[in-house]
Protein backbone atom coordinates (compact mmCIF):
# COMPACT_ATOMS: atom_id res chain seq x y z
CA MET A 1 65.36 -12.36 29.66
CA PRO A 2 61.87 -10.83 30.16
CA LYS A 3 61.26 -7.22 29.13
CA SER A 4 60.72 -4.81 32.01
CA LYS A 5 57.48 -2.88 32.33
CA VAL A 6 57.46 0.74 31.19
CA ARG A 7 56.41 3.11 33.93
CA LYS A 8 54.06 5.97 33.19
CA LYS A 9 55.45 9.35 34.12
CA GLU A 10 53.33 11.86 35.92
CA ALA A 11 52.59 15.02 33.98
CA PRO A 12 54.57 17.92 35.43
CA TYR A 13 52.58 20.46 37.42
CA ILE A 14 52.44 23.85 35.74
CA PRO A 15 50.83 26.60 37.81
CA PRO A 16 47.82 28.31 36.20
CA ALA A 17 49.56 31.68 36.48
CA VAL A 18 52.28 30.39 34.16
CA LEU A 19 49.83 28.77 31.74
CA ASN A 20 47.73 31.92 31.41
CA ALA A 21 50.60 34.43 31.37
CA LYS A 22 50.90 36.86 28.48
CA PRO A 23 54.02 36.45 26.36
CA VAL A 24 56.82 38.93 26.97
CA ARG A 25 57.46 41.31 24.10
CA LEU A 26 60.97 40.75 22.77
CA ASP A 27 60.95 43.54 20.18
CA SER A 28 62.87 46.76 20.53
CA PRO A 29 60.94 50.01 20.63
CA SER A 30 60.61 51.57 17.20
CA TRP A 31 62.56 54.67 18.26
CA LEU A 32 65.64 52.80 19.48
CA ALA A 33 67.47 52.08 16.21
CA PRO A 34 67.13 55.60 14.73
CA VAL A 35 68.24 57.24 18.01
CA MET A 36 71.18 54.84 18.29
CA VAL A 37 72.38 55.55 14.75
CA ALA A 38 71.84 59.28 15.24
CA ALA A 39 73.95 59.25 18.43
CA PHE A 40 76.78 57.46 16.60
CA LEU A 41 76.66 59.91 13.69
CA ILE A 42 76.39 63.03 15.86
CA GLY A 43 79.41 61.90 17.88
CA LEU A 44 81.40 61.17 14.74
CA VAL A 45 80.52 64.48 13.09
CA TRP A 46 81.24 66.34 16.35
CA ILE A 47 84.77 64.90 16.53
CA VAL A 48 85.45 65.43 12.80
CA VAL A 49 84.33 69.08 13.01
CA PHE A 50 86.53 69.52 16.07
CA TYR A 51 89.60 68.27 14.19
CA ILE A 52 88.88 70.03 10.89
CA SER A 53 88.29 73.39 12.60
CA SER A 54 91.62 73.18 14.45
CA THR A 55 89.86 72.84 17.84
CA LYS A 56 87.73 76.01 17.39
CA TYR A 57 84.32 74.43 16.84
CA PRO A 58 81.64 73.04 17.64
CA ILE A 59 81.80 74.81 21.03
CA PRO A 60 84.78 77.20 21.03
CA HIS A 61 85.08 77.90 24.77
CA ILE A 62 85.43 74.34 26.04
CA GLY A 63 88.48 73.43 23.97
CA ALA A 64 89.50 69.78 24.13
CA TRP A 65 86.36 68.91 26.09
CA ASN A 66 84.69 68.79 22.68
CA MET A 67 86.30 65.35 22.35
CA VAL A 68 84.56 64.24 25.53
CA VAL A 69 81.23 65.48 24.19
CA GLY A 70 81.75 63.61 20.91
CA PHE A 71 82.74 60.39 22.65
CA GLY A 72 79.79 60.89 25.01
CA PHE A 73 77.43 60.72 22.03
CA ILE A 74 79.21 57.62 20.76
CA ALA A 75 79.03 56.01 24.22
CA THR A 76 75.30 56.77 24.30
CA GLY A 77 74.98 54.99 20.96
CA PHE A 78 76.75 51.93 22.36
CA MET A 79 74.55 51.98 25.45
CA LEU A 80 71.45 51.99 23.25
CA ALA A 81 72.95 49.23 21.09
CA THR A 82 73.00 46.89 24.08
CA LYS A 83 69.21 47.24 24.39
CA TRP A 84 68.53 46.55 20.71
CA LYS A 85 67.03 43.14 19.90
């Protein structure tokens, strides 16, 4: 049986805007990791101080809302962690 001829494929068209485009920066900003870790630690320390002080500190007049503040810092840390590359 005779061998079939191999067809030449046309080179795909790539627009000049794509060829000359600058690469996208995939790094995280340098401030992101320290702020993320700081938010986690501040939230943890806030909740620990709240429990150790028998709900009197860090802010005495808001009572159990101190837990919400502590978890708010931790949630901020998780939000920043999703942007870290």
